[in-house]
Amino acid sequence: MAKRPASNPLSISSLVRQGPAPRSSKKLWGGDVETQWVPFFSATNVLGDTAISDTSMGAPIITPIGEDGVPKFNRNGEPVRQVQTEIRRAVSSVQASFFAGLAQFAGEVQRLNQREYVEAVKRYQNAGTLVKEAEDAAIEEELDRRRAAALAELENIAAEEAASKPTTMPELDTLPEHAQEPALVG
């Protein structure tokens, strides 16, 4: 059986530290497939925790082949690139486990530090209320400004249209014959 490292690099404190952003051609759940997920799953395969196929590990990013046997291309004429299904499923499993671990951690801290936890949540809610009220006021002010600008624009358009229309009636003698008053028959 493979040896497990004595320390686990996935401690809570290491997860919240900021690290450099890697460059990638494909990412899953924010992690680069070839430089982060493949090495991680190589380790979990060695330990027997996962059993991702050699093919998926060796070619983690592929161009899918259509039912007609032709590689798929996008609208720009470039080949479509996608992550192997086994790796996508394994990442989804890690993600689900991660979020379950976060919930478990939060619940444990809440249980052990109930008073402090409740006080912290109340502080967050009060601070959030102030931010939301300031945002709402700023949004309403901007909407009022935009409404006023739109109304002013409509008034300008109406004024321009009114100015371009003639204000006098045409002379009767310039009207076509059929529009003049009919002669009395008698």
N, C-alpha and C. Protein backbone atom coordinates (compact mmCIF):
# COMPACT_ATOMS: atom_id res chain seq x y z
N MET A 1 0.85 -1.19 0.00
CA MET A 1 0.00 0.00 0.00
C MET A 1 0.89 1.24 0.00
N ALA A 2 0.46 2.25 -0.72
CA ALA A 2 1.23 3.49 -0.82
C ALA A 2 1.21 4.23 0.51
N LYS A 3 2.25 5.01 0.76
CA LYS A 3 2.36 5.76 2.01
C LYS A 3 1.64 7.10 1.86
N ARG A 4 0.95 7.47 2.93
CA ARG A 4 0.28 8.76 2.97
C ARG A 4 1.21 9.77 3.61
N PRO A 5 1.20 11.02 3.13
CA PRO A 5 2.03 12.04 3.77
C PRO A 5 1.53 12.29 5.20
N ALA A 6 2.46 12.63 6.09
CA ALA A 6 2.10 12.86 7.49
C ALA A 6 1.24 14.10 7.65
N SER A 7 1.53 15.13 6.87
CA SER A 7 0.74 16.36 6.99
C SER A 7 -0.20 16.46 5.79
N ASN A 8 -1.36 17.00 6.05
CA ASN A 8 -2.35 17.18 5.00
C ASN A 8 -2.30 18.64 4.55
N PRO A 9 -1.95 18.92 3.29
CA PRO A 9 -1.87 20.30 2.83
C PRO A 9 -3.23 20.96 2.69
N LEU A 10 -4.30 20.20 2.82
CA LEU A 10 -5.63 20.76 2.64
C LEU A 10 -6.27 21.17 3.97
N SER A 11 -5.46 21.72 4.89
CA SER A 11 -6.02 22.21 6.14
C SER A 11 -6.81 23.48 5.86
N ILE A 12 -7.70 23.81 6.76
CA ILE A 12 -8.54 25.00 6.57
C ILE A 12 -7.69 26.25 6.40
N SER A 13 -6.66 26.41 7.22
CA SER A 13 -5.84 27.63 7.11
C SER A 13 -5.13 27.71 5.77
N SER A 14 -4.71 26.58 5.20
CA SER A 14 -4.03 26.64 3.90
C SER A 14 -5.02 26.90 2.77
N LEU A 15 -6.27 26.53 2.96
CA LEU A 15 -7.26 26.75 1.91
C LEU A 15 -7.62 28.22 1.76
N VAL A 16 -7.55 28.99 2.84
CA VAL A 16 -7.96 30.38 2.76
C VAL A 16 -6.81 31.33 2.44
N ARG A 17 -5.58 30.82 2.37
CA ARG A 17 -4.44 31.66 1.98
C ARG A 17 -4.47 31.89 0.47
N GLN A 18 -4.10 33.10 0.08
CA GLN A 18 -4.07 33.46 -1.35
C GLN A 18 -2.79 32.93 -1.98
N GLY A 19 -2.90 32.36 -3.15
CA GLY A 19 -1.74 31.87 -3.88
C GLY A 19 -1.71 32.47 -5.26
N PRO A 20 -0.65 32.20 -6.02
CA PRO A 20 -0.57 32.75 -7.38
C PRO A 20 -1.60 32.10 -8.29
N ALA A 21 -2.08 32.85 -9.24
CA ALA A 21 -3.07 32.35 -10.19
C ALA A 21 -2.35 31.66 -11.35
N PRO A 22 -2.57 30.34 -11.51
CA PRO A 22 -1.91 29.64 -12.61
C PRO A 22 -2.59 29.92 -13.95
N ARG A 23 -1.84 29.78 -15.03
CA ARG A 23 -2.39 29.92 -16.37
C ARG A 23 -2.87 28.55 -16.82
N SER A 24 -3.96 28.51 -17.56
CA SER A 24 -4.51 27.23 -17.98
C SER A 24 -5.30 27.37 -19.27
N SER A 25 -5.39 26.27 -19.96
CA SER A 25 -6.25 26.26 -21.13
C SER A 25 -7.64 25.74 -20.76
N LYS A 26 -7.76 24.95 -19.72
CA LYS A 26 -9.04 24.43 -19.25
C LYS A 26 -9.03 24.38 -17.74
N LYS A 27 -10.12 24.83 -17.14
CA LYS A 27 -10.24 24.81 -15.69
C LYS A 27 -11.53 24.11 -15.30
N LEU A 28 -11.48 23.46 -14.16
CA LEU A 28 -12.66 22.90 -13.55
C LEU A 28 -12.68 23.37 -12.11
N TRP A 29 -13.80 23.93 -11.72
CA TRP A 29 -13.98 24.43 -10.37
C TRP A 29 -12.81 25.32 -9.96
N GLY A 30 -12.35 26.15 -10.91
CA GLY A 30 -11.29 27.11 -10.66
C GLY A 30 -9.89 26.54 -10.70
N GLY A 31 -9.75 25.24 -10.86
CA GLY A 31 -8.42 24.63 -10.86
C GLY A 31 -8.01 24.18 -12.25
N ASP A 32 -6.76 24.43 -12.59
CA ASP A 32 -6.22 24.02 -13.88
C ASP A 32 -6.22 22.49 -13.97
N VAL A 33 -6.78 21.98 -15.05
CA VAL A 33 -6.92 20.52 -15.20
C VAL A 33 -5.55 19.84 -15.23
N GLU A 34 -4.66 20.34 -16.08
CA GLU A 34 -3.40 19.63 -16.30
C GLU A 34 -2.36 19.86 -15.20
N THR A 35 -2.38 21.03 -14.56
CA THR A 35 -1.35 21.30 -13.55
C THR A 35 -1.83 21.12 -12.12
N GLN A 36 -3.16 21.02 -11.91
CA GLN A 36 -3.67 20.84 -10.55
C GLN A 36 -4.46 19.55 -10.38
N TRP A 37 -5.46 19.33 -11.24
CA TRP A 37 -6.33 18.17 -11.05
C TRP A 37 -5.64 16.86 -11.42
N VAL A 38 -4.93 16.84 -12.54
CA VAL A 38 -4.26 15.59 -12.93
C VAL A 38 -3.24 15.15 -11.88
N PRO A 39 -2.36 16.05 -11.38
CA PRO A 39 -1.45 15.61 -10.32
C PRO A 39 -2.19 15.16 -9.06
N PHE A 40 -3.25 15.87 -8.70
CA PHE A 40 -4.02 15.48 -7.51
C PHE A 40 -4.63 14.09 -7.69
N PHE A 41 -5.27 13.86 -8.85
CA PHE A 41 -5.89 12.56 -9.07
C PHE A 41 -4.86 11.46 -9.33
N SER A 42 -3.68 11.84 -9.80
CA SER A 42 -2.59 10.84 -9.88
C SER A 42 -2.28 10.34 -8.48
N ALA A 43 -2.21 11.27 -7.53
CA ALA A 43 -1.92 10.90 -6.14
C ALA A 43 -3.06 10.07 -5.56
N THR A 44 -4.31 10.46 -5.82
CA THR A 44 -5.43 9.70 -5.26
C THR A 44 -5.54 8.33 -5.92
N ASN A 45 -5.17 8.21 -7.21
CA ASN A 45 -5.14 6.90 -7.86
C ASN A 45 -4.08 6.01 -7.22
N VAL A 46 -2.88 6.58 -6.97
CA VAL A 46 -1.79 5.80 -6.36
C VAL A 46 -2.21 5.29 -4.99
N LEU A 47 -2.94 6.15 -4.23
CA LEU A 47 -3.37 5.76 -2.89
C LEU A 47 -4.59 4.84 -2.91
N GLY A 48 -5.20 4.67 -4.06
CA GLY A 48 -6.37 3.82 -4.17
C GLY A 48 -7.68 4.51 -3.81
N ASP A 49 -7.64 5.83 -3.62
CA ASP A 49 -8.85 6.57 -3.28
C ASP A 49 -9.73 6.84 -4.50
N THR A 50 -9.13 6.84 -5.68
CA THR A 50 -9.87 6.97 -6.94
C THR A 50 -9.33 5.92 -7.90
N ALA A 51 -10.08 5.70 -8.96
CA ALA A 51 -9.65 4.73 -9.98
C ALA A 51 -9.94 5.32 -11.36
N ILE A 52 -9.40 6.50 -11.61
CA ILE A 52 -9.60 7.16 -12.90
C ILE A 52 -8.71 6.46 -13.92
N SER A 53 -9.26 6.18 -15.08
CA SER A 53 -8.55 5.40 -16.10
C SER A 53 -7.27 6.07 -16.57
N ASP A 54 -6.34 5.26 -17.04
CA ASP A 54 -5.08 5.76 -17.59
C ASP A 54 -5.34 6.67 -18.79
N THR A 55 -6.34 6.32 -19.59
CA THR A 55 -6.67 7.12 -20.77
C THR A 55 -7.12 8.52 -20.37
N SER A 56 -8.00 8.61 -19.39
CA SER A 56 -8.47 9.92 -18.94
C SER A 56 -7.35 10.72 -18.31
N MET A 57 -6.49 10.06 -17.57
CA MET A 57 -5.38 10.76 -16.93
C MET A 57 -4.33 11.18 -17.96
N GLY A 58 -4.11 10.34 -18.98
CA GLY A 58 -3.11 10.63 -20.00
C GLY A 58 -3.55 11.68 -21.00
N ALA A 59 -4.84 11.75 -21.26
CA ALA A 59 -5.41 12.75 -22.18
C ALA A 59 -6.60 13.40 -21.50
N PRO A 60 -6.34 14.26 -20.51
CA PRO A 60 -7.46 14.82 -19.73
C PRO A 60 -8.33 15.80 -20.51
N ILE A 61 -7.76 16.42 -21.55
CA ILE A 61 -8.52 17.36 -22.37
C ILE A 61 -8.56 16.81 -23.79
N ILE A 62 -9.77 16.63 -24.28
CA ILE A 62 -9.94 15.99 -25.59
C ILE A 62 -10.84 16.83 -26.50
N THR A 63 -10.83 16.49 -27.78
CA THR A 63 -11.78 17.04 -28.74
C THR A 63 -12.83 15.97 -28.96
N PRO A 64 -14.07 16.25 -28.62
CA PRO A 64 -15.11 15.23 -28.80
C PRO A 64 -15.35 14.93 -30.27
N ILE A 65 -15.74 13.71 -30.52
CA ILE A 65 -16.04 13.24 -31.88
C ILE A 65 -17.56 13.09 -31.99
N GLY A 66 -18.13 13.66 -33.03
CA GLY A 66 -19.57 13.57 -33.23
C GLY A 66 -19.99 12.19 -33.68
N GLU A 67 -21.30 11.97 -33.74
CA GLU A 67 -21.85 10.69 -34.16
C GLU A 67 -21.42 10.33 -35.59
N ASP A 68 -21.11 11.36 -36.38
CA ASP A 68 -20.68 11.14 -37.76
C ASP A 68 -19.20 10.81 -37.86
N GLY A 69 -18.51 10.75 -36.70
CA GLY A 69 -17.09 10.42 -36.68
C GLY A 69 -16.16 11.59 -36.94
N VAL A 70 -16.72 12.80 -36.99
CA VAL A 70 -15.94 13.99 -37.28
C VAL A 70 -15.71 14.76 -35.97
N PRO A 71 -14.47 15.25 -35.76
CA PRO A 71 -14.22 16.06 -34.56
C PRO A 71 -15.14 17.29 -34.55
N LYS A 72 -15.56 17.70 -33.35
CA LYS A 72 -16.46 18.84 -33.22
C LYS A 72 -15.67 20.14 -33.24
N PHE A 73 -16.24 21.14 -33.93
CA PHE A 73 -15.65 22.47 -34.03
C PHE A 73 -16.67 23.49 -33.54
N ASN A 74 -16.19 24.61 -32.98
CA ASN A 74 -17.10 25.66 -32.54
C ASN A 74 -17.42 26.59 -33.70
N ARG A 75 -18.20 27.62 -33.45
CA ARG A 75 -18.62 28.55 -34.51
C ARG A 75 -17.47 29.34 -35.10
N ASN A 76 -16.39 29.48 -34.34
CA ASN A 76 -15.21 30.20 -34.83
C ASN A 76 -14.30 29.31 -35.66
N GLY A 77 -14.68 28.06 -35.85
CA GLY A 77 -13.88 27.15 -36.64
C GLY A 77 -12.74 26.50 -35.86
N GLU A 78 -12.76 26.63 -34.54
CA GLU A 78 -11.72 26.02 -33.71
C GLU A 78 -12.23 24.70 -33.15
N PRO A 79 -11.33 23.73 -32.96
CA PRO A 79 -11.78 22.46 -32.38
C PRO A 79 -12.30 22.67 -30.95
N VAL A 80 -13.38 22.00 -30.62
CA VAL A 80 -13.93 22.04 -29.26
C VAL A 80 -12.99 21.25 -28.36
N ARG A 81 -12.72 21.78 -27.17
CA ARG A 81 -11.88 21.10 -26.20
C ARG A 81 -12.70 20.89 -24.95
N GLN A 82 -12.73 19.67 -24.44
CA GLN A 82 -13.46 19.40 -23.21
C GLN A 82 -12.69 18.44 -22.33
N VAL A 83 -13.02 18.48 -21.05
CA VAL A 83 -12.35 17.64 -20.07
C VAL A 83 -13.03 16.28 -20.08
N GLN A 84 -12.21 15.23 -19.96
CA GLN A 84 -12.73 13.86 -19.91
C GLN A 84 -13.81 13.73 -18.83
N THR A 85 -14.83 12.95 -19.12
CA THR A 85 -15.96 12.76 -18.21
C THR A 85 -15.52 12.23 -16.85
N GLU A 86 -14.61 11.27 -16.80
CA GLU A 86 -14.16 10.73 -15.52
C GLU A 86 -13.55 11.80 -14.63
N ILE A 87 -12.79 12.68 -15.23
CA ILE A 87 -12.15 13.75 -14.44
C ILE A 87 -13.19 14.76 -14.00
N ARG A 88 -14.12 15.11 -14.89
CA ARG A 88 -15.20 16.04 -14.50
C ARG A 88 -16.00 15.49 -13.32
N ARG A 89 -16.31 14.20 -13.37
CA ARG A 89 -17.08 13.58 -12.27
C ARG A 89 -16.27 13.55 -10.98
N ALA A 90 -14.97 13.27 -11.09
CA ALA A 90 -14.13 13.22 -9.90
C ALA A 90 -14.02 14.62 -9.27
N VAL A 91 -13.91 15.65 -10.10
CA VAL A 91 -13.85 17.02 -9.58
C VAL A 91 -15.18 17.37 -8.90
N SER A 92 -16.29 16.96 -9.48
CA SER A 92 -17.60 17.21 -8.86
C SER A 92 -17.68 16.54 -7.50
N SER A 93 -17.12 15.35 -7.40
CA SER A 93 -17.11 14.64 -6.12
C SER A 93 -16.27 15.38 -5.09
N VAL A 94 -15.09 15.87 -5.51
CA VAL A 94 -14.23 16.65 -4.62
C VAL A 94 -14.97 17.91 -4.18
N GLN A 95 -15.65 18.55 -5.11
CA GLN A 95 -16.38 19.78 -4.80
C GLN A 95 -17.47 19.51 -3.76
N ALA A 96 -18.24 18.46 -3.96
CA ALA A 96 -19.30 18.11 -3.00
C ALA A 96 -18.70 17.81 -1.63
N SER A 97 -17.61 17.06 -1.61
CA SER A 97 -16.95 16.73 -0.34
C SER A 97 -16.40 17.99 0.33
N PHE A 98 -15.84 18.87 -0.48
CA PHE A 98 -15.28 20.12 0.04
C PHE A 98 -16.36 20.95 0.73
N PHE A 99 -17.50 21.13 0.05
CA PHE A 99 -18.57 21.94 0.63
C PHE A 99 -19.17 21.27 1.86
N ALA A 100 -19.25 19.95 1.85
CA ALA A 100 -19.70 19.24 3.05
C ALA A 100 -18.72 19.48 4.20
N GLY A 101 -17.42 19.48 3.89
CA GLY A 101 -16.40 19.75 4.91
C GLY A 101 -16.50 21.17 5.44
N LEU A 102 -16.78 22.13 4.56
CA LEU A 102 -16.95 23.51 5.01
C LEU A 102 -18.14 23.62 5.97
N ALA A 103 -19.25 22.99 5.62
CA ALA A 103 -20.43 23.03 6.48
C ALA A 103 -20.15 22.36 7.82
N GLN A 104 -19.45 21.24 7.78
CA GLN A 104 -19.11 20.54 9.02
C GLN A 104 -18.20 21.40 9.89
N PHE A 105 -17.19 22.03 9.28
CA PHE A 105 -16.28 22.91 10.01
C PHE A 105 -17.05 24.07 10.65
N ALA A 106 -17.91 24.73 9.87
CA ALA A 106 -18.68 25.86 10.39
C ALA A 106 -19.58 25.42 11.54
N GLY A 107 -20.21 24.27 11.39
CA GLY A 107 -21.07 23.75 12.45
C GLY A 107 -20.30 23.45 13.72
N GLU A 108 -19.10 22.90 13.59
CA GLU A 108 -18.27 22.59 14.75
C GLU A 108 -17.82 23.86 15.46
N VAL A 109 -17.39 24.86 14.69
CA VAL A 109 -16.99 26.14 15.29
C VAL A 109 -18.18 26.80 15.97
N GLN A 110 -19.34 26.73 15.35
CA GLN A 110 -20.55 27.30 15.93
C GLN A 110 -20.90 26.60 17.24
N ARG A 111 -20.77 25.29 17.26
CA ARG A 111 -21.09 24.51 18.47
C ARG A 111 -20.12 24.85 19.60
N LEU A 112 -18.84 24.96 19.28
CA LEU A 112 -17.82 25.21 20.30
C LEU A 112 -17.78 26.66 20.76
N ASN A 113 -18.23 27.59 19.92
CA ASN A 113 -18.13 29.02 20.20
C ASN A 113 -19.46 29.70 19.93
N GLN A 114 -20.51 29.17 20.55
CA GLN A 114 -21.86 29.61 20.21
C GLN A 114 -22.06 31.11 20.42
N ARG A 115 -21.68 31.65 21.57
CA ARG A 115 -21.91 33.07 21.86
C ARG A 115 -21.16 33.95 20.86
N GLU A 116 -19.88 33.67 20.63
CA GLU A 116 -19.08 34.46 19.70
C GLU A 116 -19.62 34.37 18.29
N TYR A 117 -20.07 33.19 17.92
CA TYR A 117 -20.59 32.97 16.57
C TYR A 117 -21.86 33.80 16.36
N VAL A 118 -22.78 33.75 17.32
CA VAL A 118 -24.02 34.52 17.21
C VAL A 118 -23.72 36.01 17.16
N GLU A 119 -22.79 36.49 18.00
CA GLU A 119 -22.41 37.91 17.98
C GLU A 119 -21.82 38.30 16.62
N ALA A 120 -20.99 37.44 16.08
CA ALA A 120 -20.38 37.73 14.78
C ALA A 120 -21.44 37.83 13.70
N VAL A 121 -22.40 36.90 13.69
CA VAL A 121 -23.45 36.92 12.67
C VAL A 121 -24.28 38.20 12.79
N LYS A 122 -24.58 38.62 14.02
CA LYS A 122 -25.34 39.87 14.22
C LYS A 122 -24.55 41.07 13.70
N ARG A 123 -23.22 41.10 13.96
CA ARG A 123 -22.39 42.19 13.46
C ARG A 123 -22.42 42.21 11.93
N TYR A 124 -22.31 41.03 11.32
CA TYR A 124 -22.31 40.94 9.85
C TYR A 124 -23.63 41.46 9.30
N GLN A 125 -24.74 41.06 9.93
CA GLN A 125 -26.05 41.50 9.45
C GLN A 125 -26.20 43.01 9.57
N ASN A 126 -25.77 43.59 10.70
CA ASN A 126 -25.86 45.04 10.88
C ASN A 126 -24.99 45.77 9.86
N ALA A 127 -23.77 45.31 9.67
CA ALA A 127 -22.88 45.93 8.69
C ALA A 127 -23.46 45.79 7.29
N GLY A 128 -24.01 44.63 6.98
CA GLY A 128 -24.60 44.39 5.68
C GLY A 128 -25.81 45.27 5.42
N THR A 129 -26.60 45.52 6.47
CA THR A 129 -27.77 46.40 6.33
C THR A 129 -27.34 47.79 5.93
N LEU A 130 -26.28 48.30 6.55
CA LEU A 130 -25.78 49.63 6.21
C LEU A 130 -25.31 49.69 4.76
N VAL A 131 -24.61 48.66 4.33
CA VAL A 131 -24.12 48.61 2.94
C VAL A 131 -25.31 48.54 1.97
N LYS A 132 -26.28 47.68 2.27
CA LYS A 132 -27.44 47.52 1.39
C LYS A 132 -28.25 48.81 1.29
N GLU A 133 -28.43 49.50 2.45
CA GLU A 133 -29.17 50.76 2.42
C GLU A 133 -28.44 51.81 1.59
N ALA A 134 -27.12 51.88 1.73
CA ALA A 134 -26.34 52.84 0.93
C ALA A 134 -26.42 52.48 -0.55
N GLU A 135 -26.32 51.20 -0.87
CA GLU A 135 -26.45 50.77 -2.27
C GLU A 135 -27.82 51.12 -2.83
N ASP A 136 -28.88 50.81 -2.06
CA ASP A 136 -30.24 51.09 -2.52
C ASP A 136 -30.42 52.58 -2.78
N ALA A 137 -29.90 53.43 -1.89
CA ALA A 137 -30.02 54.88 -2.08
C ALA A 137 -29.27 55.32 -3.33
N ALA A 138 -28.06 54.80 -3.53
CA ALA A 138 -27.27 55.17 -4.71
C ALA A 138 -27.96 54.70 -5.99
N ILE A 139 -28.53 53.51 -5.96
CA ILE A 139 -29.24 52.98 -7.14
C ILE A 139 -30.46 53.84 -7.44
N GLU A 140 -31.24 54.17 -6.41
CA GLU A 140 -32.44 54.98 -6.61
C GLU A 140 -32.08 56.36 -7.14
N GLU A 141 -31.00 56.94 -6.62
CA GLU A 141 -30.54 58.25 -7.10
C GLU A 141 -30.15 58.18 -8.58
N GLU A 142 -29.43 57.12 -8.96
CA GLU A 142 -29.04 56.96 -10.37
C GLU A 142 -30.25 56.73 -11.26
N LEU A 143 -31.21 55.92 -10.79
CA LEU A 143 -32.43 55.70 -11.58
C LEU A 143 -33.20 57.01 -11.76
N ASP A 144 -33.29 57.81 -10.70
CA ASP A 144 -33.95 59.12 -10.81
C ASP A 144 -33.24 60.00 -11.84
N ARG A 145 -31.90 60.00 -11.81
CA ARG A 145 -31.13 60.79 -12.76
C ARG A 145 -31.39 60.31 -14.19
N ARG A 146 -31.42 59.00 -14.37
CA ARG A 146 -31.67 58.45 -15.71
C ARG A 146 -33.08 58.76 -16.19
N ARG A 147 -34.05 58.65 -15.29
CA ARG A 147 -35.44 58.98 -15.66
C ARG A 147 -35.55 60.44 -16.09
N ALA A 148 -34.92 61.33 -15.31
CA ALA A 148 -34.95 62.76 -15.64
C ALA A 148 -34.27 63.02 -16.99
N ALA A 149 -33.16 62.37 -17.25
CA ALA A 149 -32.46 62.55 -18.53
C ALA A 149 -33.32 62.04 -19.68
N ALA A 150 -33.98 60.89 -19.49
CA ALA A 150 -34.83 60.34 -20.55
C ALA A 150 -36.03 61.25 -20.80
N LEU A 151 -36.62 61.79 -19.73
CA LEU A 151 -37.75 62.70 -19.88
C LEU A 151 -37.33 63.98 -20.60
N ALA A 152 -36.16 64.50 -20.23
CA ALA A 152 -35.64 65.70 -20.90
C ALA A 152 -35.41 65.43 -22.38
N GLU A 153 -34.89 64.27 -22.70
CA GLU A 153 -34.65 63.90 -24.11
C GLU A 153 -35.97 63.82 -24.87
N LEU A 154 -37.00 63.22 -24.25
CA LEU A 154 -38.32 63.15 -24.90
C LEU A 154 -38.90 64.54 -25.10
N GLU A 155 -38.75 65.41 -24.12
CA GLU A 155 -39.24 66.78 -24.25
C GLU A 155 -38.51 67.52 -25.36
N ASN A 156 -37.21 67.30 -25.50
CA ASN A 156 -36.44 67.92 -26.58
C ASN A 156 -36.91 67.43 -27.95
N ILE A 157 -37.15 66.14 -28.04
CA ILE A 157 -37.63 65.56 -29.31
C ILE A 157 -38.99 66.15 -29.66
N ALA A 158 -39.89 66.23 -28.66
CA ALA A 158 -41.23 66.78 -28.90
C ALA A 158 -41.14 68.25 -29.31
N ALA A 159 -40.24 68.99 -28.67
CA ALA A 159 -40.08 70.42 -29.02
C ALA A 159 -39.54 70.58 -30.43
N GLU A 160 -38.58 69.74 -30.82
CA GLU A 160 -38.02 69.80 -32.17
C GLU A 160 -39.07 69.46 -33.22
N GLU A 161 -39.91 68.45 -32.93
CA GLU A 161 -40.97 68.08 -33.87
C GLU A 161 -41.99 69.20 -33.99
N ALA A 162 -42.33 69.82 -32.86
CA ALA A 162 -43.30 70.91 -32.89
C ALA A 162 -42.75 72.11 -33.66
N ALA A 163 -41.46 72.37 -33.53
CA ALA A 163 -40.85 73.50 -34.22
C ALA A 163 -40.76 73.26 -35.72
N SER A 164 -40.69 72.03 -36.14
CA SER A 164 -40.54 71.74 -37.57
C SER A 164 -41.88 71.69 -38.29
N LYS A 165 -43.01 71.70 -37.59
CA LYS A 165 -44.33 71.67 -38.23
C LYS A 165 -44.77 73.09 -38.52
N PRO A 166 -45.44 73.30 -39.69
CA PRO A 166 -45.94 74.65 -40.00
C PRO A 166 -47.05 75.03 -39.03
N THR A 167 -47.12 76.32 -38.70
CA THR A 167 -48.13 76.79 -37.75
C THR A 167 -49.31 77.45 -38.44
N THR A 168 -49.25 77.68 -39.75
CA THR A 168 -50.35 78.34 -40.46
C THR A 168 -51.04 77.33 -41.34
N MET A 169 -52.29 77.63 -41.67
CA MET A 169 -53.07 76.76 -42.55
C MET A 169 -52.75 77.14 -44.00
N PRO A 170 -52.74 76.18 -44.89
CA PRO A 170 -52.49 76.52 -46.30
C PRO A 170 -53.64 77.35 -46.86
N GLU A 171 -53.34 78.17 -47.85
CA GLU A 171 -54.37 78.99 -48.50
C GLU A 171 -55.33 78.09 -49.25
N LEU A 172 -56.58 78.53 -49.33
CA LEU A 172 -57.58 77.72 -50.00
C LEU A 172 -57.29 77.54 -51.48
N ASP A 173 -56.72 78.55 -52.11
CA ASP A 173 -56.48 78.42 -53.54
C ASP A 173 -55.31 77.49 -53.85
N THR A 174 -54.57 77.10 -52.85
CA THR A 174 -53.48 76.16 -53.10
C THR A 174 -53.94 74.73 -52.90
N LEU A 175 -55.17 74.57 -52.45
CA LEU A 175 -55.70 73.21 -52.28
C LEU A 175 -56.06 72.64 -53.64
N PRO A 176 -55.99 71.36 -53.78
CA PRO A 176 -56.41 70.75 -55.05
C PRO A 176 -57.90 71.02 -55.30
N GLU A 177 -58.32 70.95 -56.58
CA GLU A 177 -59.69 71.26 -56.95
C GLU A 177 -60.71 70.45 -56.19
N HIS A 178 -60.47 69.18 -56.05
CA HIS A 178 -61.46 68.33 -55.40
C HIS A 178 -61.59 68.65 -53.91
N ALA A 179 -60.66 69.40 -53.36
CA ALA A 179 -60.72 69.74 -51.94
C ALA A 179 -61.39 71.09 -51.72
N GLN A 180 -61.66 71.88 -52.81
CA GLN A 180 -62.30 73.18 -52.64
C GLN A 180 -63.81 72.97 -52.43
N GLU A 181 -64.48 74.04 -51.98
CA GLU A 181 -65.91 73.91 -51.71
C GLU A 181 -66.67 73.62 -53.02
N PRO A 182 -67.63 72.72 -52.93
CA PRO A 182 -68.40 72.41 -54.14
C PRO A 182 -69.33 73.59 -54.55
N ALA A 183 -69.56 73.71 -55.82
CA ALA A 183 -70.45 74.76 -56.32
C ALA A 183 -71.89 74.38 -55.99
N LEU A 184 -72.71 75.42 -55.76
CA LEU A 184 -74.11 75.15 -55.46
C LEU A 184 -74.86 74.81 -56.73
N VAL A 185 -75.65 73.80 -56.65
CA VAL A 185 -76.44 73.39 -57.81
C VAL A 185 -77.82 73.99 -57.69
N GLY A 186 -78.29 74.63 -58.74
CA GLY A 186 -79.49 75.16 -58.54
C GLY A 186 -80.55 75.49 -59.26
